[in-house]
Amino acid sequence: EGEALLLRLDLAGIAGSSGSACTSGSLDPSHVLLAIGL
């Protein structure tokens, strides 16, 4: 799960994201990734 990965990276001192920061509170998968067929 992307959220678990981000938390572990954060503990390691690495800041990343799973998509748009504007929708970071949503549990739905990225509309962009769904649109490219994933």
PDB file of all heavy atoms in Angstrom:
ATOM      1  N   GLU A   1       0.845  -1.182   0.000  1.00  0.00           N
ATOM      2  CA  GLU A   1       0.000   0.000   0.000  1.00  0.00           C
ATOM      3  C   GLU A   1       0.887   1.241   0.000  1.00  0.00           C
ATOM      4  O   GLU A   1       1.850   1.327   0.765  1.00  0.00           O
ATOM      5  CB  GLU A   1      -0.905   0.012   1.238  1.00  0.00           C
ATOM      6  CG  GLU A   1      -2.079  -0.943   1.162  1.00  0.00           C
ATOM      7  CD  GLU A   1      -3.163  -0.461   0.212  1.00  0.00           C
ATOM      8  OE1 GLU A   1      -3.215   0.756  -0.052  1.00  0.00           O
ATOM      9  OE2 GLU A   1      -3.952  -1.300  -0.262  1.00  0.00           O
ATOM     10  N   GLY A   2       0.547   2.200  -0.844  1.00  0.00           N
ATOM     11  CA  GLY A   2       1.347   3.411  -0.958  1.00  0.00           C
ATOM     12  C   GLY A   2       1.490   4.164   0.349  1.00  0.00           C
ATOM     13  O   GLY A   2       2.561   4.695   0.674  1.00  0.00           O
ATOM     14  N   GLU A   3       0.416   4.206   1.150  1.00  0.00           N
ATOM     15  CA  GLU A   3       0.460   4.949   2.412  1.00  0.00           C
ATOM     16  C   GLU A   3       1.475   4.343   3.374  1.00  0.00           C
ATOM     17  O   GLU A   3       2.240   5.059   4.037  1.00  0.00           O
ATOM     18  CB  GLU A   3      -0.921   4.980   3.057  1.00  0.00           C
ATOM     19  CG  GLU A   3      -0.988   5.860   4.291  1.00  0.00           C
ATOM     20  CD  GLU A   3      -2.396   6.010   4.845  1.00  0.00           C
ATOM     21  OE1 GLU A   3      -3.336   5.463   4.239  1.00  0.00           O
ATOM     22  OE2 GLU A   3      -2.549   6.684   5.876  1.00  0.00           O
ATOM     23  N   ALA A   4       1.511   3.007   3.457  1.00  0.00           N
ATOM     24  CA  ALA A   4       2.480   2.345   4.328  1.00  0.00           C
ATOM     25  C   ALA A   4       3.901   2.631   3.863  1.00  0.00           C
ATOM     26  O   ALA A   4       4.815   2.845   4.683  1.00  0.00           O
ATOM     27  CB  ALA A   4       2.218   0.840   4.346  1.00  0.00           C
ATOM     28  N   LEU A   5       4.096   2.643   2.562  1.00  0.00           N
ATOM     29  CA  LEU A   5       5.418   2.933   2.006  1.00  0.00           C
ATOM     30  C   LEU A   5       5.857   4.358   2.363  1.00  0.00           C
ATOM     31  O   LEU A   5       7.007   4.590   2.751  1.00  0.00           O
ATOM     32  CB  LEU A   5       5.391   2.744   0.493  1.00  0.00           C
ATOM     33  CG  LEU A   5       6.674   3.072  -0.270  1.00  0.00           C
ATOM     34  CD1 LEU A   5       7.832   2.217   0.224  1.00  0.00           C
ATOM     35  CD2 LEU A   5       6.465   2.872  -1.772  1.00  0.00           C
ATOM     36  N   LEU A   6       4.941   5.316   2.242  1.00  0.00           N
ATOM     37  CA  LEU A   6       5.276   6.707   2.557  1.00  0.00           C
ATOM     38  C   LEU A   6       5.651   6.880   4.022  1.00  0.00           C
ATOM     39  O   LEU A   6       6.573   7.626   4.356  1.00  0.00           O
ATOM     40  CB  LEU A   6       4.099   7.623   2.208  1.00  0.00           C
ATOM     41  CG  LEU A   6       3.750   7.760   0.727  1.00  0.00           C
ATOM     42  CD1 LEU A   6       2.555   8.685   0.567  1.00  0.00           C
ATOM     43  CD2 LEU A   6       4.933   8.285  -0.059  1.00  0.00           C
ATOM     44  N   LEU A   7       4.941   6.182   4.913  1.00  0.00           N
ATOM     45  CA  LEU A   7       5.238   6.280   6.339  1.00  0.00           C
ATOM     46  C   LEU A   7       6.620   5.711   6.655  1.00  0.00           C
ATOM     47  O   LEU A   7       7.375   6.281   7.449  1.00  0.00           O
ATOM     48  CB  LEU A   7       4.155   5.556   7.147  1.00  0.00           C
ATOM     49  CG  LEU A   7       2.775   6.223   7.143  1.00  0.00           C
ATOM     50  CD1 LEU A   7       1.742   5.332   7.820  1.00  0.00           C
ATOM     51  CD2 LEU A   7       2.822   7.587   7.819  1.00  0.00           C
ATOM     52  N   ARG A   8       6.960   4.596   6.031  1.00  0.00           N
ATOM     53  CA  ARG A   8       8.278   4.003   6.260  1.00  0.00           C
ATOM     54  C   ARG A   8       9.387   4.890   5.686  1.00  0.00           C
ATOM     55  O   ARG A   8      10.455   5.047   6.285  1.00  0.00           O
ATOM     56  CB  ARG A   8       8.332   2.604   5.636  1.00  0.00           C
ATOM     57  CG  ARG A   8       7.600   1.534   6.437  1.00  0.00           C
ATOM     58  CD  ARG A   8       8.310   1.237   7.750  1.00  0.00           C
ATOM     59  NE  ARG A   8       9.681   0.781   7.523  1.00  0.00           N
ATOM     60  CZ  ARG A   8      10.026  -0.493   7.304  1.00  0.00           C
ATOM     61  NH1 ARG A   8       9.093  -1.450   7.292  1.00  0.00           N
ATOM     62  NH2 ARG A   8      11.295  -0.815   7.115  1.00  0.00           N
ATOM     63  N   LEU A   9       9.143   5.472   4.526  1.00  0.00           N
ATOM     64  CA  LEU A   9      10.120   6.390   3.953  1.00  0.00           C
ATOM     65  C   LEU A   9      10.297   7.614   4.845  1.00  0.00           C
ATOM     66  O   LEU A   9      11.417   8.096   5.048  1.00  0.00           O
ATOM     67  CB  LEU A   9       9.683   6.821   2.549  1.00  0.00           C
ATOM     68  CG  LEU A   9       9.859   5.795   1.435  1.00  0.00           C
ATOM     69  CD1 LEU A   9       9.179   6.286   0.160  1.00  0.00           C
ATOM     70  CD2 LEU A   9      11.338   5.520   1.153  1.00  0.00           C
ATOM     71  N   ASP A  10       9.192   8.091   5.397  1.00  0.00           N
ATOM     72  CA  ASP A  10       9.260   9.254   6.277  1.00  0.00           C
ATOM     73  C   ASP A  10      10.122   8.952   7.506  1.00  0.00           C
ATOM     74  O   ASP A  10      10.933   9.783   7.938  1.00  0.00           O
ATOM     75  CB  ASP A  10       7.843   9.654   6.694  1.00  0.00           C
ATOM     76  CG  ASP A  10       7.804  10.986   7.429  1.00  0.00           C
ATOM     77  OD1 ASP A  10       8.586  11.891   7.065  1.00  0.00           O
ATOM     78  OD2 ASP A  10       7.007  11.119   8.368  1.00  0.00           O
ATOM     79  N   LEU A  11       9.967   7.763   8.068  1.00  0.00           N
ATOM     80  CA  LEU A  11      10.777   7.365   9.212  1.00  0.00           C
ATOM     81  C   LEU A  11      12.254   7.286   8.849  1.00  0.00           C
ATOM     82  O   LEU A  11      13.127   7.487   9.701  1.00  0.00           O
ATOM     83  CB  LEU A  11      10.298   6.012   9.753  1.00  0.00           C
ATOM     84  CG  LEU A  11       8.939   6.020  10.464  1.00  0.00           C
ATOM     85  CD1 LEU A  11       8.504   4.605  10.798  1.00  0.00           C
ATOM     86  CD2 LEU A  11       9.006   6.863  11.742  1.00  0.00           C
ATOM     87  N   ALA A  12      12.517   7.002   7.569  1.00  0.00           N
ATOM     88  CA  ALA A  12      13.902   6.939   7.095  1.00  0.00           C
ATOM     89  C   ALA A  12      14.417   8.304   6.651  1.00  0.00           C
ATOM     90  O   ALA A  12      15.543   8.414   6.164  1.00  0.00           O
ATOM     91  CB  ALA A  12      14.005   5.946   5.942  1.00  0.00           C
ATOM     92  N   GLY A  13      13.597   9.352   6.816  1.00  0.00           N
ATOM     93  CA  GLY A  13      14.025  10.699   6.472  1.00  0.00           C
ATOM     94  C   GLY A  13      13.853  11.058   5.018  1.00  0.00           C
ATOM     95  O   GLY A  13      14.535  11.954   4.514  1.00  0.00           O
ATOM     96  N   ILE A  14      12.932  10.375   4.334  1.00  0.00           N
ATOM     97  CA  ILE A  14      12.690  10.630   2.913  1.00  0.00           C
ATOM     98  C   ILE A  14      11.238  11.052   2.726  1.00  0.00           C
ATOM     99  O   ILE A  14      10.315  10.339   3.120  1.00  0.00           O
ATOM    100  CB  ILE A  14      12.985   9.375   2.056  1.00  0.00           C
ATOM    101  CG1 ILE A  14      14.452   8.968   2.223  1.00  0.00           C
ATOM    102  CG2 ILE A  14      12.647   9.629   0.587  1.00  0.00           C
ATOM    103  CD1 ILE A  14      14.771   7.592   1.663  1.00  0.00           C
ATOM    104  N   ALA A  15      11.028  12.225   2.146  1.00  0.00           N
ATOM    105  CA  ALA A  15       9.683  12.748   1.923  1.00  0.00           C
ATOM    106  C   ALA A  15       9.285  12.546   0.473  1.00  0.00           C
ATOM    107  O   ALA A  15       9.909  13.086  -0.436  1.00  0.00           O
ATOM    108  CB  ALA A  15       9.626  14.235   2.280  1.00  0.00           C
ATOM    109  N   GLY A  16       8.248  11.744   0.261  1.00  0.00           N
ATOM    110  CA  GLY A  16       7.696  11.522  -1.073  1.00  0.00           C
ATOM    111  C   GLY A  16       6.192  11.619  -1.006  1.00  0.00           C
ATOM    112  O   GLY A  16       5.622  12.129  -0.027  1.00  0.00           O
ATOM    113  N   SER A  17       5.505  11.140  -2.027  1.00  0.00           N
ATOM    114  CA  SER A  17       4.044  11.160  -2.020  1.00  0.00           C
ATOM    115  C   SER A  17       3.533  10.000  -2.857  1.00  0.00           C
ATOM    116  O   SER A  17       4.292   9.323  -3.549  1.00  0.00           O
ATOM    117  CB  SER A  17       3.499  12.481  -2.567  1.00  0.00           C
ATOM    118  OG  SER A  17       3.712  12.559  -3.966  1.00  0.00           O
ATOM    119  N   SER A  18       2.233   9.795  -2.793  1.00  0.00           N
ATOM    120  CA  SER A  18       1.616   8.747  -3.603  1.00  0.00           C
ATOM    121  C   SER A  18       0.824   9.337  -4.760  1.00  0.00           C
ATOM    122  O   SER A  18       0.185   8.614  -5.517  1.00  0.00           O
ATOM    123  CB  SER A  18       0.695   7.866  -2.739  1.00  0.00           C
ATOM    124  OG  SER A  18      -0.315   8.648  -2.142  1.00  0.00           O
ATOM    125  N   GLY A  19       0.862  10.651  -4.896  1.00  0.00           N
ATOM    126  CA  GLY A  19       0.118  11.317  -5.969  1.00  0.00           C
ATOM    127  C   GLY A  19      -0.035  12.779  -5.644  1.00  0.00           C
ATOM    128  O   GLY A  19       0.834  13.378  -5.021  1.00  0.00           O
ATOM    129  N   SER A  20      -1.150  13.361  -6.011  1.00  0.00           N
ATOM    130  CA  SER A  20      -1.378  14.783  -5.780  1.00  0.00           C
ATOM    131  C   SER A  20      -1.547  15.076  -4.300  1.00  0.00           C
ATOM    132  O   SER A  20      -2.314  14.410  -3.604  1.00  0.00           O
ATOM    133  CB  SER A  20      -2.629  15.244  -6.534  1.00  0.00           C
ATOM    134  OG  SER A  20      -2.969  16.561  -6.188  1.00  0.00           O
ATOM    135  N   ALA A  21      -0.830  16.097  -3.812  1.00  0.00           N
ATOM    136  CA  ALA A  21      -0.975  16.508  -2.410  1.00  0.00           C
ATOM    137  C   ALA A  21      -2.376  17.050  -2.137  1.00  0.00           C
ATOM    138  O   ALA A  21      -2.847  17.020  -0.998  1.00  0.00           O
ATOM    139  CB  ALA A  21       0.069  17.561  -2.065  1.00  0.00           C
ATOM    140  N   CYS A  22      -3.056  17.526  -3.169  1.00  0.00           N
ATOM    141  CA  CYS A  22      -4.388  18.101  -2.999  1.00  0.00           C
ATOM    142  C   CYS A  22      -5.441  17.045  -2.694  1.00  0.00           C
ATOM    143  O   CYS A  22      -6.550  17.362  -2.284  1.00  0.00           O
ATOM    144  CB  CYS A  22      -4.786  18.886  -4.247  1.00  0.00           C
ATOM    145  SG  CYS A  22      -3.660  20.250  -4.622  1.00  0.00           S
ATOM    146  N   THR A  23      -5.125  15.758  -2.917  1.00  0.00           N
ATOM    147  CA  THR A  23      -6.075  14.682  -2.630  1.00  0.00           C
ATOM    148  C   THR A  23      -5.470  13.670  -1.675  1.00  0.00           C
ATOM    149  O   THR A  23      -5.883  12.516  -1.630  1.00  0.00           O
ATOM    150  CB  THR A  23      -6.508  13.968  -3.931  1.00  0.00           C
ATOM    151  OG1 THR A  23      -5.341  13.479  -4.614  1.00  0.00           O
ATOM    152  CG2 THR A  23      -7.257  14.910  -4.845  1.00  0.00           C
ATOM    153  N   SER A  24      -4.470  14.091  -0.892  1.00  0.00           N
ATOM    154  CA  SER A  24      -3.744  13.153  -0.040  1.00  0.00           C
ATOM    155  C   SER A  24      -4.615  12.555   1.055  1.00  0.00           C
ATOM    156  O   SER A  24      -4.293  11.509   1.605  1.00  0.00           O
ATOM    157  CB  SER A  24      -2.529  13.847   0.593  1.00  0.00           C
ATOM    158  OG  SER A  24      -2.944  14.938   1.382  1.00  0.00           O
ATOM    159  N   GLY A  25      -5.744  13.207   1.387  1.00  0.00           N
ATOM    160  CA  GLY A  25      -6.621  12.672   2.415  1.00  0.00           C
ATOM    161  C   GLY A  25      -7.583  11.615   1.907  1.00  0.00           C
ATOM    162  O   GLY A  25      -8.296  10.983   2.680  1.00  0.00           O
ATOM    163  N   SER A  26      -7.606  11.388   0.606  1.00  0.00           N
ATOM    164  CA  SER A  26      -8.534  10.430   0.013  1.00  0.00           C
ATOM    165  C   SER A  26      -7.961   9.024   0.035  1.00  0.00           C
ATOM    166  O   SER A  26      -6.767   8.821  -0.169  1.00  0.00           O
ATOM    167  CB  SER A  26      -8.842  10.839  -1.430  1.00  0.00           C
ATOM    168  OG  SER A  26      -9.603   9.840  -2.082  1.00  0.00           O
ATOM    169  N   LEU A  27      -8.822   8.043   0.273  1.00  0.00           N
ATOM    170  CA  LEU A  27      -8.410   6.641   0.235  1.00  0.00           C
ATOM    171  C   LEU A  27      -8.611   6.036  -1.148  1.00  0.00           C
ATOM    172  O   LEU A  27      -8.223   4.888  -1.385  1.00  0.00           O
ATOM    173  CB  LEU A  27      -9.204   5.835   1.279  1.00  0.00           C
ATOM    174  CG  LEU A  27      -8.962   6.222   2.749  1.00  0.00           C
ATOM    175  CD1 LEU A  27      -9.857   5.401   3.665  1.00  0.00           C
ATOM    176  CD2 LEU A  27      -7.503   6.056   3.125  1.00  0.00           C
ATOM    177  N   ASP A  28      -9.214   6.796  -2.046  1.00  0.00           N
ATOM    178  CA  ASP A  28      -9.441   6.290  -3.398  1.00  0.00           C
ATOM    179  C   ASP A  28      -8.129   6.288  -4.176  1.00  0.00           C
ATOM    180  O   ASP A  28      -7.271   7.156  -3.978  1.00  0.00           O
ATOM    181  CB  ASP A  28     -10.454   7.168  -4.134  1.00  0.00           C
ATOM    182  CG  ASP A  28     -11.839   7.095  -3.507  1.00  0.00           C
ATOM    183  OD1 ASP A  28     -12.168   6.036  -2.935  1.00  0.00           O
ATOM    184  OD2 ASP A  28     -12.565   8.100  -3.576  1.00  0.00           O
ATOM    185  N   PRO A  29      -7.954   5.317  -5.084  1.00  0.00           N
ATOM    186  CA  PRO A  29      -6.745   5.324  -5.909  1.00  0.00           C
ATOM    187  C   PRO A  29      -6.744   6.517  -6.856  1.00  0.00           C
ATOM    188  O   PRO A  29      -7.798   7.105  -7.146  1.00  0.00           O
ATOM    189  CB  PRO A  29      -6.836   4.003  -6.681  1.00  0.00           C
ATOM    190  CG  PRO A  29      -8.295   3.661  -6.694  1.00  0.00           C
ATOM    191  CD  PRO A  29      -8.833   4.192  -5.393  1.00  0.00           C
ATOM    192  N   SER A  30      -5.587   6.880  -7.327  1.00  0.00           N
ATOM    193  CA  SER A  30      -5.428   8.029  -8.205  1.00  0.00           C
ATOM    194  C   SER A  30      -6.277   7.905  -9.465  1.00  0.00           C
ATOM    195  O   SER A  30      -6.228   6.892 -10.158  1.00  0.00           O
ATOM    196  CB  SER A  30      -3.954   8.158  -8.593  1.00  0.00           C
ATOM    197  OG  SER A  30      -3.794   8.879  -9.781  1.00  0.00           O
ATOM    198  N   HIS A  31      -7.026   8.967  -9.768  1.00  0.00           N
ATOM    199  CA  HIS A  31      -7.815   8.966 -11.003  1.00  0.00           C
ATOM    200  C   HIS A  31      -6.918   8.961 -12.231  1.00  0.00           C
ATOM    201  O   HIS A  31      -7.304   8.471 -13.291  1.00  0.00           O
ATOM    202  CB  HIS A  31      -8.755  10.178 -11.036  1.00  0.00           C
ATOM    203  CG  HIS A  31      -8.070  11.489 -11.228  1.00  0.00           C
ATOM    204  ND1 HIS A  31      -7.369  12.135 -10.228  1.00  0.00           N
ATOM    205  CD2 HIS A  31      -7.957  12.309 -12.322  1.00  0.00           C
ATOM    206  CE1 HIS A  31      -6.879  13.267 -10.677  1.00  0.00           C
ATOM    207  NE2 HIS A  31      -7.210  13.405 -11.950  1.00  0.00           N
ATOM    208  N   VAL A  32      -5.698   9.481 -12.077  1.00  0.00           N
ATOM    209  CA  VAL A  32      -4.750   9.495 -13.185  1.00  0.00           C
ATOM    210  C   VAL A  32      -4.285   8.076 -13.501  1.00  0.00           C
ATOM    211  O   VAL A  32      -4.263   7.648 -14.666  1.00  0.00           O
ATOM    212  CB  VAL A  32      -3.541  10.397 -12.868  1.00  0.00           C
ATOM    213  CG1 VAL A  32      -2.494  10.314 -13.975  1.00  0.00           C
ATOM    214  CG2 VAL A  32      -3.996  11.834 -12.660  1.00  0.00           C
ATOM    215  N   LEU A  33      -3.925   7.319 -12.471  1.00  0.00           N
ATOM    216  CA  LEU A  33      -3.458   5.953 -12.685  1.00  0.00           C
ATOM    217  C   LEU A  33      -4.578   5.063 -13.215  1.00  0.00           C
ATOM    218  O   LEU A  33      -4.336   4.171 -14.042  1.00  0.00           O
ATOM    219  CB  LEU A  33      -2.884   5.382 -11.385  1.00  0.00           C
ATOM    220  CG  LEU A  33      -1.650   6.116 -10.832  1.00  0.00           C
ATOM    221  CD1 LEU A  33      -1.121   5.406  -9.590  1.00  0.00           C
ATOM    222  CD2 LEU A  33      -0.555   6.232 -11.883  1.00  0.00           C
ATOM    223  N   LEU A  34      -5.791   5.280 -12.751  1.00  0.00           N
ATOM    224  CA  LEU A  34      -6.924   4.514 -13.295  1.00  0.00           C
ATOM    225  C   LEU A  34      -7.147   4.877 -14.764  1.00  0.00           C
ATOM    226  O   LEU A  34      -7.467   4.007 -15.585  1.00  0.00           O
ATOM    227  CB  LEU A  34      -8.188   4.783 -12.484  1.00  0.00           C
ATOM    228  CG  LEU A  34      -8.167   4.333 -11.013  1.00  0.00           C
ATOM    229  CD1 LEU A  34      -9.508   4.655 -10.353  1.00  0.00           C
ATOM    230  CD2 LEU A  34      -7.853   2.854 -10.890  1.00  0.00           C
ATOM    231  N   ALA A  35      -6.947   6.143 -15.106  1.00  0.00           N
ATOM    232  CA  ALA A  35      -7.168   6.589 -16.489  1.00  0.00           C
ATOM    233  C   ALA A  35      -6.152   5.993 -17.457  1.00  0.00           C
ATOM    234  O   ALA A  35      -6.457   5.815 -18.643  1.00  0.00           O
ATOM    235  CB  ALA A  35      -7.123   8.113 -16.562  1.00  0.00           C
ATOM    236  N   ILE A  36      -4.929   5.687 -16.982  1.00  0.00           N
ATOM    237  CA  ILE A  36      -3.939   5.064 -17.875  1.00  0.00           C
ATOM    238  C   ILE A  36      -4.081   3.547 -17.896  1.00  0.00           C
ATOM    239  O   ILE A  36      -3.271   2.849 -18.513  1.00  0.00           O
ATOM    240  CB  ILE A  36      -2.489   5.465 -17.521  1.00  0.00           C
ATOM    241  CG1 ILE A  36      -2.085   4.965 -16.141  1.00  0.00           C
ATOM    242  CG2 ILE A  36      -2.329   6.978 -17.633  1.00  0.00           C
ATOM    243  CD1 ILE A  36      -0.612   5.219 -15.810  1.00  0.00           C
ATOM    244  N   GLY A  37      -5.117   3.039 -17.204  1.00  0.00           N
ATOM    245  CA  GLY A  37      -5.455   1.626 -17.321  1.00  0.00           C
ATOM    246  C   GLY A  37      -5.011   0.728 -16.192  1.00  0.00           C
ATOM    247  O   GLY A  37      -5.158  -0.497 -16.290  1.00  0.00           O
ATOM    248  N   LEU A  38      -4.490   1.288 -15.094  1.00  0.00           N
ATOM    249  CA  LEU A  38      -4.041   0.433 -13.998  1.00  0.00           C
ATOM    250  C   LEU A  38      -5.223  -0.066 -13.170  1.00  0.00           C
ATOM    251  O   LEU A  38      -6.148   0.692 -12.884  1.00  0.00           O
ATOM    252  CB  LEU A  38      -3.076   1.191 -13.087  1.00  0.00           C
ATOM    253  CG  LEU A  38      -1.724   1.600 -13.660  1.00  0.00           C
ATOM    254  CD1 LEU A  38      -0.805   2.068 -12.541  1.00  0.00           C
ATOM    255  CD2 LEU A  38      -1.080   0.472 -14.433  1.00  0.00           C
TER     256      LEU A  38
END
